[in-house]
Amino acid sequence: MNEEIIQSLESSGVEFIRVLWCDNANIIRGKAVYAKSFQQWYGTGVGISEAQMGVPVMYDALVEGSGLSPAGEVHLMPDWASCTSLPYAQGHARVMGDMMKKGEPWPLCPRGFLRKIVAAAENEDLEIKCSFENEFYLLKELVDSPVPLDYTPFAATYAMDFSKNVIEDITRALIAQGITVEQYYPESGPGQAEITMHYTTPMQAADNQIAFRETVHATALHHGMRASFMPKLFGDKAGSGCHIHMSLWQKGQNITADGEDPHGISKATRSFIAGLLEHLPALMAITVPVPNSYKRLKPHCWSGAFRCWGPDNREAAVRTISDPVGKRVWSFEFKTIDAASNPYIAMAAVIAAGLDGVKRNIALASPALSDPGSLSVKEMMDLGIERLPEHPDVSIGHLEKDEVLLNAMGERLAKAFIAVRKAECAAMKNFKHVEEVEMLADKY
């Protein structure tokens, strides 16, 4: 056991260590172990039921068809590299848990899935740098219906004054946990904000996403507010995404750009984006997983509702991002994703899709140079642009046929994941928006 870490936590006044996991419904869960008793858990980890990976967002019970049973135990082994004291919860620390079964990695572990896909990319001599970019709402209350903190428009400086104290505390708490904050600005919706984090490794980015959600929720509570990352909190206002920004690296060098290419991207980047687009209808079952997610994915809403890519095009599912002089692309943004998705599974699936494009050298279609929602049917067909699925049932159907993603996930994770998705879709298929808010606003 890493005695230095435990001694450091104890000297910092830590009494409880929260061992976290994120399930297939993207609920962040944890068991808190009393710090002075943690020695007895060393070597075995903290036990949880196998059935936890077959639990949907609606209730704490096992769904049918998951292949899991309440009779079975896995253990959360702390990844001490992720351990940090919690600035918003004095006396508590957090560590991410890896799911182990009889001393071996459990096939249904989301972190294990991501670790496996990162290794597959490294076998292709490809390194991924990435970060999540979150939009979320700050609310005065969330009892009968959400009441936003303010009613200001996008990037309004007046909104910065409304939320100054809570945003500053969120930022300080993130920095105290080792997360580099880059930008903040008020988003389009009332009380909506966006804070961006610096790029890092895929595992660290997914860990940061868990820490980000936890920090925003807890800090909002300290200010007498509530926060929500629900994809479509207000039916007539902007939705909230958690876009992934990515770049491709090789031997310590960013290989995303190519100054000779007409659009400034390298051959590997073209193939990676082509793989993303080829698998996108199936990928959506993972990245935009609940019916409410699809209420955000509308044309003319900058949400990535079309199967296409484009230079600096915020209506495309994949946006390449130009440097300040517009000649090179150092990163690209995957937009068809929200915070209802498990960040480990989503990140792993996105990389797996892109990696398939690189392995097969898939040709990238022509870019969308304007709003795809304004094109005629013929213009869309000529450019190979399609409207993406408008309900998760359709996306789940695509995932069930996508051998690349299914093989990447592994049979057992894929079976449990799809069972949870189907149960959630069946339960919420005919929900009115107010019922979705009641069910999901506090979950994400």
Protein backbone atom coordinates (compact mmCIF):
# COMPACT_ATOMS: atom_id res chain seq x y z
CA MET A 1 0.00 0.00 0.00
CA ASN A 2 1.24 3.48 -0.74
CA GLU A 3 1.90 4.57 2.84
CA GLU A 4 3.03 8.03 1.75
CA ILE A 5 -0.36 8.74 0.18
CA ILE A 6 -2.27 7.57 3.25
CA GLN A 7 0.00 9.51 5.60
CA SER A 8 -0.36 12.59 3.42
CA LEU A 9 -4.15 12.29 3.50
CA GLU A 10 -4.21 11.80 7.25
CA SER A 11 -1.91 14.79 7.81
CA SER A 12 -4.31 16.81 5.67
CA GLY A 13 -7.18 15.90 7.95
CA VAL A 14 -8.80 13.37 5.60
CA GLU A 15 -11.16 11.06 7.46
CA PHE A 16 -12.99 9.40 4.57
CA ILE A 17 -11.69 8.20 1.20
CA ARG A 18 -14.41 8.00 -1.44
CA VAL A 19 -13.75 5.16 -3.89
CA LEU A 20 -15.69 6.03 -7.06
CA TRP A 21 -17.07 4.22 -10.06
CA CYS A 22 -19.31 5.36 -12.93
CA ASP A 23 -21.90 2.86 -14.16
CA ASN A 24 -23.52 2.20 -17.52
CA ALA A 25 -26.26 4.72 -16.69
CA ASN A 26 -23.55 7.34 -16.05
CA ILE A 27 -24.39 7.72 -12.39
CA ILE A 28 -21.28 8.59 -10.38
CA ARG A 29 -21.29 6.33 -7.36
CA GLY A 30 -18.90 5.72 -4.50
CA LYS A 31 -18.22 4.02 -1.20
CA ALA A 32 -16.43 6.01 1.49
CA VAL A 33 -13.92 4.16 3.64
CA TYR A 34 -12.77 5.58 6.97
CA ALA A 35 -9.12 6.49 6.40
CA LYS A 36 -7.77 4.81 9.54
CA SER A 37 -9.53 1.58 8.55
CA PHE A 38 -8.29 1.53 4.97
CA GLN A 39 -5.42 -0.85 5.72
CA GLN A 40 -7.84 -3.76 5.97
CA TRP A 41 -9.09 -3.12 2.42
CA TYR A 42 -5.62 -3.14 0.91
CA GLY A 43 -5.19 -6.07 -1.47
CA THR A 44 -8.91 -6.69 -1.86
CA GLY A 45 -10.42 -3.31 -2.65
CA VAL A 46 -13.96 -2.21 -1.84
CA GLY A 47 -16.65 -4.72 -2.79
CA ILE A 48 -19.68 -3.92 -4.92
CA SER A 49 -22.26 -6.14 -6.59
CA GLU A 50 -21.67 -7.15 -10.21
CA ALA A 51 -25.26 -6.07 -10.76
CA GLN A 52 -24.22 -2.42 -10.37
CA MET A 53 -23.28 -2.37 -14.07
CA GLY A 54 -26.80 -3.44 -15.00
CA VAL A 55 -28.63 -0.66 -13.15
CA PRO A 56 -30.48 2.03 -15.19
CA VAL A 57 -30.96 5.70 -14.37
CA MET A 58 -34.58 5.21 -13.21
CA TYR A 59 -34.07 2.92 -10.23
CA ASP A 60 -31.48 0.90 -8.30
CA ALA A 61 -32.39 -2.53 -9.61
CA LEU A 62 -31.03 -4.89 -12.24
CA VAL A 63 -32.48 -4.70 -15.75
CA GLU A 64 -33.36 -7.80 -17.74
CA GLY A 65 -30.99 -9.04 -20.40
CA SER A 66 -27.81 -7.59 -18.89
CA GLY A 67 -26.17 -10.96 -18.34
CA LEU A 68 -25.53 -9.94 -14.74
CA SER A 69 -26.83 -11.24 -11.43
CA PRO A 70 -27.10 -9.94 -7.87
CA ALA A 71 -25.06 -13.03 -6.94
CA GLY A 72 -21.52 -11.93 -7.71
CA GLU A 73 -18.95 -9.50 -6.34
CA VAL A 74 -16.33 -7.27 -7.92
CA HIS A 75 -13.85 -5.10 -6.07
CA LEU A 76 -12.91 -1.48 -6.64
CA MET A 77 -9.14 -1.24 -6.47
CA PRO A 78 -8.05 2.38 -5.91
CA ASP A 79 -5.98 3.95 -8.67
CA TRP A 80 -3.82 6.03 -6.35
CA ALA A 81 -2.61 8.23 -9.21
CA SER A 82 -6.14 9.69 -9.22
CA CYS A 83 -6.33 10.35 -5.48
CA THR A 84 -6.96 13.90 -4.32
CA SER A 85 -8.36 15.71 -1.31
CA LEU A 86 -11.71 17.36 -1.97
CA PRO A 87 -11.60 21.13 -1.47
CA TYR A 88 -15.40 21.28 -1.47
CA ALA A 89 -15.80 18.49 1.13
CA GLN A 90 -13.44 19.02 4.06
CA GLY A 91 -12.19 15.76 5.53
CA HIS A 92 -12.92 13.74 2.38
CA ALA A 93 -10.70 12.54 -0.47
CA ARG A 94 -11.57 10.89 -3.78
CA VAL A 95 -9.92 8.06 -5.68
CA MET A 96 -11.12 6.35 -8.86
CA GLY A 97 -11.68 2.60 -8.62
CA ASP A 98 -10.77 -0.09 -11.14
CA MET A 99 -13.18 -3.04 -11.16
CA MET A 100 -11.38 -6.31 -10.42
CA LYS A 101 -12.67 -9.88 -10.23
CA LYS A 102 -10.54 -12.47 -8.45
CA GLY A 103 -7.50 -10.26 -8.86
CA GLU A 104 -8.00 -9.74 -12.60
CA PRO A 105 -9.47 -6.77 -14.52
CA TRP A 106 -13.23 -7.24 -14.87
CA PRO A 107 -14.43 -7.05 -18.51
CA LEU A 108 -17.27 -4.67 -17.61
CA CYS A 109 -15.02 -2.03 -16.02
CA PRO A 110 -15.38 1.29 -17.92
CA ARG A 111 -11.84 2.37 -16.97
CA GLY A 112 -10.57 -1.00 -18.11
CA PHE A 113 -12.29 -0.53 -21.48
CA LEU A 114 -10.65 2.85 -21.95
CA ARG A 115 -7.26 1.52 -20.86
CA LYS A 116 -7.57 -1.29 -23.45
CA ILE A 117 -8.42 1.10 -26.30
CA VAL A 118 -5.59 3.49 -25.42
CA ALA A 119 -3.22 0.52 -25.58
CA ALA A 120 -4.65 -0.43 -28.99
CA ALA A 121 -3.94 3.10 -30.25
CA GLU A 122 -0.40 2.93 -28.89
CA ASN A 123 0.09 -0.33 -30.79
CA GLU A 124 -0.63 1.70 -33.93
CA ASP A 125 2.00 4.23 -32.80
CA LEU A 126 -0.75 6.75 -32.11
CA GLU A 127 -1.24 8.81 -28.97
CA ILE A 128 -4.43 10.73 -28.23
CA LYS A 129 -4.58 13.99 -26.29
CA CYS A 130 -8.05 15.17 -25.35
CA SER A 131 -10.36 17.01 -22.97
CA PHE A 132 -14.07 17.37 -22.26
CA GLU A 133 -15.73 20.76 -22.70
CA ASN A 134 -18.79 21.04 -20.47
CA GLU A 135 -21.90 23.16 -20.61
CA PHE A 136 -24.11 23.21 -17.52
CA TYR A 137 -26.88 25.20 -15.86
CA LEU A 138 -26.69 27.03 -12.54
CA LEU A 139 -30.10 27.16 -10.90
CA LYS A 140 -31.61 29.09 -8.02
CA GLU A 141 -33.74 26.07 -7.25
CA LEU A 142 -34.75 22.70 -8.61
CA VAL A 143 -37.83 21.70 -6.65
CA ASP A 144 -40.98 21.92 -8.74
CA SER A 145 -39.25 23.25 -11.86
CA PRO A 146 -35.78 24.65 -12.66
CA VAL A 147 -35.30 28.36 -11.97
CA PRO A 148 -32.12 29.66 -13.67
CA LEU A 149 -29.63 31.90 -11.94
CA ASP A 150 -30.05 34.61 -14.59
CA TYR A 151 -31.72 35.30 -17.94
CA THR A 152 -28.77 36.72 -19.85
CA PRO A 153 -27.61 35.80 -23.40
CA PHE A 154 -24.41 34.15 -24.65
CA ALA A 155 -21.15 35.62 -23.32
CA ALA A 156 -22.94 38.48 -21.56
CA THR A 157 -20.59 40.14 -19.09
CA TYR A 158 -23.61 40.85 -16.90
CA ALA A 159 -23.98 37.06 -16.52
CA MET A 160 -20.38 36.92 -15.29
CA ASP A 161 -21.38 39.27 -12.47
CA PHE A 162 -24.34 37.08 -11.54
CA SER A 163 -22.22 33.95 -11.27
CA LYS A 164 -18.82 35.42 -10.33
CA ASN A 165 -18.56 33.94 -6.85
CA VAL A 166 -19.69 30.42 -7.67
CA ILE A 167 -17.60 30.25 -10.87
CA GLU A 168 -14.50 31.44 -9.01
CA ASP A 169 -15.04 28.80 -6.32
CA ILE A 170 -15.55 26.08 -8.93
CA THR A 171 -12.35 27.17 -10.67
CA ARG A 172 -10.33 27.24 -7.45
CA ALA A 173 -11.62 23.79 -6.49
CA LEU A 174 -10.72 22.34 -9.89
CA ILE A 175 -7.22 23.82 -9.76
CA ALA A 176 -6.75 22.47 -6.22
CA GLN A 177 -7.45 19.01 -7.65
CA GLY A 178 -4.76 19.40 -10.30
CA ILE A 179 -7.11 20.26 -13.18
CA THR A 180 -5.95 23.06 -15.47
CA VAL A 181 -8.77 25.50 -16.30
CA GLU A 182 -8.51 27.41 -19.58
CA GLN A 183 -11.65 29.46 -20.26
CA TYR A 184 -15.00 30.33 -18.80
CA TYR A 185 -17.92 32.12 -20.39
CA PRO A 186 -21.70 32.37 -20.00
CA GLU A 187 -23.46 30.14 -22.51
CA SER A 188 -26.61 30.80 -24.51
CA GLY A 189 -29.17 29.47 -22.06
CA PRO A 190 -30.36 31.31 -18.95
CA GLY A 191 -27.96 30.52 -16.12
CA GLN A 192 -25.89 28.35 -18.45
CA ALA A 193 -22.09 28.35 -18.27
CA GLU A 194 -19.12 26.67 -19.91
CA ILE A 195 -15.71 25.98 -18.41
CA THR A 196 -12.97 24.36 -20.46
CA MET A 197 -10.11 22.17 -19.23
CA HIS A 198 -6.63 21.69 -20.71
CA TYR A 199 -5.95 18.60 -22.79
CA THR A 200 -4.33 15.50 -21.28
CA THR A 201 -4.35 11.72 -21.69
CA PRO A 202 -7.69 9.97 -22.36
CA MET A 203 -7.77 8.37 -18.89
CA GLN A 204 -6.92 11.63 -17.14
CA ALA A 205 -9.50 13.46 -19.27
CA ALA A 206 -12.22 10.98 -18.26
CA ASP A 207 -11.16 11.19 -14.59
CA ASN A 208 -11.24 14.99 -14.91
CA GLN A 209 -14.76 14.79 -16.31
CA ILE A 210 -15.93 12.88 -13.23
CA ALA A 211 -14.14 15.37 -10.96
CA PHE A 212 -15.61 18.30 -12.92
CA ARG A 213 -19.21 17.14 -12.52
CA GLU A 214 -18.68 16.38 -8.84
CA THR A 215 -17.05 19.75 -8.22
CA VAL A 216 -19.70 21.81 -10.03
CA HIS A 217 -22.57 20.09 -8.21
CA ALA A 218 -20.95 20.36 -4.77
CA THR A 219 -19.82 23.96 -5.18
CA ALA A 220 -23.25 25.04 -6.41
CA LEU A 221 -24.76 23.48 -3.28
CA HIS A 222 -22.37 25.48 -1.10
CA HIS A 223 -23.76 28.62 -2.74
CA GLY A 224 -27.37 27.60 -2.15
CA MET A 225 -27.78 26.69 -5.83
CA ARG A 226 -28.23 23.56 -7.87
CA ALA A 227 -26.37 22.60 -11.04
CA SER A 228 -27.43 20.32 -13.88
CA PHE A 229 -25.65 18.85 -16.90
CA MET A 230 -28.92 17.39 -18.25
CA PRO A 231 -28.76 17.48 -22.09
CA LYS A 232 -32.01 19.42 -22.53
CA LEU A 233 -33.03 20.98 -19.24
CA PHE A 234 -35.30 23.65 -20.74
CA GLY A 235 -37.44 22.64 -23.71
CA ASP A 236 -37.14 26.01 -25.45
CA LYS A 237 -33.56 26.94 -24.44
CA ALA A 238 -30.07 25.80 -25.34
CA GLY A 239 -29.08 22.26 -24.49
CA SER A 240 -25.89 21.22 -22.69
CA GLY A 241 -23.19 19.14 -24.35
CA CYS A 242 -19.78 17.94 -23.20
CA HIS A 243 -17.84 18.08 -26.46
CA ILE A 244 -14.56 16.17 -26.75
CA HIS A 245 -11.55 18.08 -28.09
CA MET A 246 -8.89 15.79 -29.53
CA SER A 247 -5.50 15.84 -31.20
CA LEU A 248 -3.32 13.05 -32.58
CA TRP A 249 0.29 12.67 -31.47
CA GLN A 250 3.27 10.56 -32.43
CA LYS A 251 6.62 10.41 -30.62
CA GLY A 252 5.73 13.50 -28.60
CA GLN A 253 4.72 15.55 -31.64
CA ASN A 254 1.25 16.78 -32.59
CA ILE A 255 0.51 15.18 -35.99
CA THR A 256 -3.03 16.54 -36.38
CA ALA A 257 -1.96 19.24 -38.83
CA ASP A 258 -0.58 19.21 -42.35
CA GLY A 259 0.12 22.59 -43.89
CA GLU A 260 0.05 21.11 -47.39
CA ASP A 261 -3.48 19.78 -47.05
CA PRO A 262 -6.24 22.10 -48.40
CA HIS A 263 -7.94 22.02 -45.01
CA GLY A 264 -4.80 21.83 -42.88
CA ILE A 265 -5.21 18.29 -41.52
CA SER A 266 -2.91 15.28 -41.78
CA LYS A 267 -3.64 11.97 -43.44
CA ALA A 268 -4.02 10.26 -40.04
CA THR A 269 -6.46 12.94 -38.91
CA ARG A 270 -8.52 12.58 -42.08
CA SER A 271 -8.81 8.83 -41.57
CA PHE A 272 -9.55 9.21 -37.84
CA ILE A 273 -12.39 11.67 -38.51
CA ALA A 274 -13.67 9.42 -41.32
CA GLY A 275 -13.84 6.53 -38.85
CA LEU A 276 -15.76 8.69 -36.39
CA LEU A 277 -18.30 9.61 -39.05
CA GLU A 278 -18.66 6.06 -40.34
CA HIS A 279 -19.51 4.72 -36.88
CA LEU A 280 -21.36 7.81 -35.67
CA PRO A 281 -24.96 6.46 -35.84
CA ALA A 282 -23.89 3.52 -33.62
CA LEU A 283 -21.59 5.67 -31.51
CA MET A 284 -24.54 7.85 -30.57
CA ALA A 285 -26.00 5.04 -28.46
CA ILE A 286 -22.96 5.62 -26.25
CA THR A 287 -22.34 9.38 -26.50
CA VAL A 288 -25.95 10.67 -26.50
CA PRO A 289 -27.61 7.78 -24.69
CA VAL A 290 -31.02 8.90 -23.41
CA PRO A 291 -34.16 10.17 -25.18
CA ASN A 292 -33.64 13.64 -23.71
CA SER A 293 -30.27 13.82 -25.49
CA TYR A 294 -32.00 13.88 -28.87
CA LYS A 295 -34.05 16.94 -27.98
CA ARG A 296 -30.74 18.84 -27.97
CA LEU A 297 -29.61 17.49 -31.36
CA LYS A 298 -31.56 19.84 -33.60
CA PRO A 299 -30.53 21.71 -36.77
CA HIS A 300 -29.36 25.32 -36.34
CA CYS A 301 -28.56 24.70 -32.64
CA TRP A 302 -24.76 24.18 -32.89
CA SER A 303 -25.17 20.70 -31.46
CA GLY A 304 -23.73 18.38 -34.14
CA ALA A 305 -27.00 17.03 -35.55
CA PHE A 306 -25.54 16.13 -38.96
CA ARG A 307 -23.19 13.35 -40.02
CA CYS A 308 -20.47 15.51 -41.49
CA TRP A 309 -17.32 17.43 -40.69
CA GLY A 310 -16.27 20.97 -41.47
CA PRO A 311 -13.51 23.50 -40.86
CA ASP A 312 -14.61 25.72 -37.96
CA ASN A 313 -18.20 24.57 -38.62
CA ARG A 314 -20.14 24.38 -35.35
CA GLU A 315 -23.14 22.69 -36.98
CA ALA A 316 -21.08 19.66 -38.05
CA ALA A 317 -20.66 16.60 -35.85
CA VAL A 318 -16.90 17.05 -36.13
CA ARG A 319 -15.36 20.52 -36.27
CA THR A 320 -11.73 21.02 -37.15
CA ILE A 321 -10.29 24.00 -35.33
CA SER A 322 -7.99 26.36 -37.20
CA ASP A 323 -4.99 28.10 -35.69
CA PRO A 324 -5.16 31.91 -35.36
CA VAL A 325 -4.04 32.44 -38.95
CA GLY A 326 -6.29 29.69 -40.33
CA LYS A 327 -3.59 27.61 -42.01
CA ARG A 328 -3.23 24.64 -39.68
CA VAL A 329 -5.48 22.49 -37.50
CA TRP A 330 -4.04 21.54 -34.13
CA SER A 331 -7.17 19.83 -32.80
CA PHE A 332 -10.71 18.84 -33.68
CA GLU A 333 -13.96 18.76 -31.75
CA PHE A 334 -16.49 15.93 -31.54
CA LYS A 335 -19.83 17.60 -30.79
CA THR A 336 -22.40 14.80 -30.76
CA ILE A 337 -21.95 13.99 -27.07
CA ASP A 338 -23.41 15.11 -23.76
CA ALA A 339 -22.90 14.51 -20.04
CA ALA A 340 -25.49 11.73 -19.92
CA SER A 341 -22.69 9.54 -21.29
CA ASN A 342 -20.20 7.61 -19.19
CA PRO A 343 -16.95 9.47 -19.97
CA TYR A 344 -14.74 6.36 -19.92
CA ILE A 345 -16.99 4.36 -22.25
CA ALA A 346 -17.66 7.35 -24.50
CA MET A 347 -13.99 8.28 -24.82
CA ALA A 348 -13.00 4.66 -25.49
CA ALA A 349 -15.70 4.23 -28.14
CA VAL A 350 -14.79 7.50 -29.88
CA ILE A 351 -11.13 6.47 -30.04
CA ALA A 352 -12.07 2.96 -31.22
CA ALA A 353 -14.15 4.43 -34.05
CA GLY A 354 -11.39 6.82 -35.10
CA LEU A 355 -8.76 4.11 -34.82
CA ASP A 356 -10.77 1.90 -37.17
CA GLY A 357 -10.66 4.72 -39.69
CA VAL A 358 -6.87 4.92 -39.38
CA LYS A 359 -6.37 1.15 -39.63
CA ARG A 360 -8.58 0.89 -42.73
CA ASN A 361 -7.40 4.18 -44.21
CA ILE A 362 -11.00 5.31 -44.68
CA ALA A 363 -11.37 8.23 -47.10
CA LEU A 364 -12.82 11.40 -45.62
CA ALA A 365 -15.82 12.93 -47.39
CA SER A 366 -15.86 16.53 -48.59
CA PRO A 367 -16.29 19.06 -45.77
CA ALA A 368 -19.44 21.00 -44.99
CA LEU A 369 -18.45 24.61 -45.54
CA SER A 370 -21.81 26.05 -44.50
CA ASP A 371 -24.73 25.18 -42.24
CA PRO A 372 -25.75 21.65 -43.34
CA GLY A 373 -29.28 22.33 -42.11
CA SER A 374 -29.64 25.00 -44.80
CA LEU A 375 -28.70 22.70 -47.68
CA SER A 376 -31.18 21.10 -50.04
CA VAL A 377 -31.64 17.33 -50.04
CA LYS A 378 -29.63 17.09 -53.27
CA GLU A 379 -26.81 19.24 -51.87
CA MET A 380 -26.65 17.06 -48.77
CA MET A 381 -26.58 13.89 -50.87
CA ASP A 382 -23.83 15.28 -53.11
CA LEU A 383 -21.69 16.01 -50.03
CA GLY A 384 -22.56 12.74 -48.28
CA ILE A 385 -24.23 14.59 -45.42
CA GLU A 386 -27.01 12.91 -43.44
CA ARG A 387 -29.30 13.94 -40.62
CA LEU A 388 -28.30 11.84 -37.64
CA PRO A 389 -30.74 9.48 -35.84
CA GLU A 390 -33.41 11.33 -33.93
CA HIS A 391 -34.09 8.75 -31.21
CA PRO A 392 -31.84 6.42 -29.21
CA ASP A 393 -33.82 3.36 -30.35
CA VAL A 394 -32.35 3.93 -33.81
CA SER A 395 -28.83 4.43 -32.49
CA ILE A 396 -29.06 1.30 -30.34
CA GLY A 397 -30.09 -0.63 -33.43
CA HIS A 398 -26.98 0.64 -35.22
CA LEU A 399 -24.77 -0.27 -32.24
CA GLU A 400 -26.14 -3.82 -32.17
CA LYS A 401 -24.87 -4.23 -35.75
CA ASP A 402 -21.53 -2.41 -35.41
CA GLU A 403 -18.95 -5.17 -35.06
CA VAL A 404 -16.07 -2.75 -34.58
CA LEU A 405 -17.60 -1.09 -31.53
CA LEU A 406 -19.04 -4.32 -30.15
CA ASN A 407 -15.69 -6.09 -30.42
CA ALA A 408 -13.95 -3.10 -28.84
CA MET A 409 -16.34 -3.14 -25.88
CA GLY A 410 -16.24 -6.89 -25.48
CA GLU A 411 -19.27 -9.17 -25.35
CA ARG A 412 -20.11 -8.78 -21.67
CA LEU A 413 -19.78 -4.98 -21.44
CA ALA A 414 -21.69 -4.53 -24.70
CA LYS A 415 -24.52 -6.81 -23.53
CA ALA A 416 -24.96 -5.04 -20.19
CA PHE A 417 -24.59 -1.59 -21.72
CA ILE A 418 -27.21 -2.22 -24.43
CA ALA A 419 -29.60 -3.75 -21.88
CA VAL A 420 -29.39 -0.59 -19.75
CA ARG A 421 -29.90 1.61 -22.82
CA LYS A 422 -32.97 -0.35 -23.92
CA ALA A 423 -34.49 -0.26 -20.45
CA GLU A 424 -34.01 3.50 -20.20
CA CYS A 425 -35.44 4.10 -23.66
CA ALA A 426 -38.49 1.97 -22.91
CA ALA A 427 -39.10 3.74 -19.60
CA MET A 428 -38.70 7.28 -20.93
CA LYS A 429 -39.90 6.87 -24.51
CA ASN A 430 -43.21 8.65 -23.92
CA PHE A 431 -42.12 10.96 -21.13
CA LYS A 432 -43.22 14.56 -21.26
CA HIS A 433 -40.40 17.04 -20.83
CA VAL A 434 -41.39 17.83 -17.24
CA GLU A 435 -41.12 14.13 -16.42
CA GLU A 436 -37.63 13.98 -17.97
CA VAL A 437 -36.55 16.93 -15.85
CA GLU A 438 -37.91 15.30 -12.71
CA MET A 439 -36.05 12.08 -13.55
CA LEU A 440 -32.73 13.39 -14.87
CA ALA A 441 -31.96 16.94 -13.71
CA ASP A 442 -30.34 15.76 -10.47
CA LYS A 443 -28.77 12.63 -11.96
CA TYR A 444 -26.35 14.45 -14.28
